[in-house]
């Protein structure tokens, strides 16, 4: 044997010994599962789960007290109103019914849906009928109807895109106003 071959044999033998030692020390998945089951049996107290009932409510701080005349009772400062209260209550943007009605009004015109295939069904029928006819007069009449249908379809596509844009705008405005998503349903 040459020096190169003997070095190779030694390295392969060392790798085999290291692998066997590592495999002997490795735990099987079943053994790990048994250890975890034993650990869980040893746990006595359940884990504490916090809910809103567990949290102590801290009352708001008292409003600042103004300096009163010497010897008299302390005078309280008047409560400052928030801007929406000063305007006479909650604004329309803070009312769930406002957002529901607005979304309902935006969805109302969406009564006709475009067909899934991309072409309106009457247009497809006119297209098929056009090529099934041999008479040039009948083909001309069908072509006129087909063009009307196609123009109507394009108008409907444009209208649907406008409606989808309006709905996206309402959703974006609601998101910026921190409106809960449930108010838009």
Foldseek 3Di string as FASTA:
>chain_A
DDPVVVVVVVVVVVVVVVVVVVVVPDDDPVVVVVVVVVVVVPDDDDDDDDDPVNDDDDDDDDADWDDDDPPDDIHGDDDDDDPCVVVPHHDLLPDLVSLQVQLCVLCVVPPDDADPVLAHPVLVVLVVVLVVDDDPVVNVVSVVVNVVRVVVSVVVVVVVVVSVVSNVVSVVVNVVVVHPPVSND
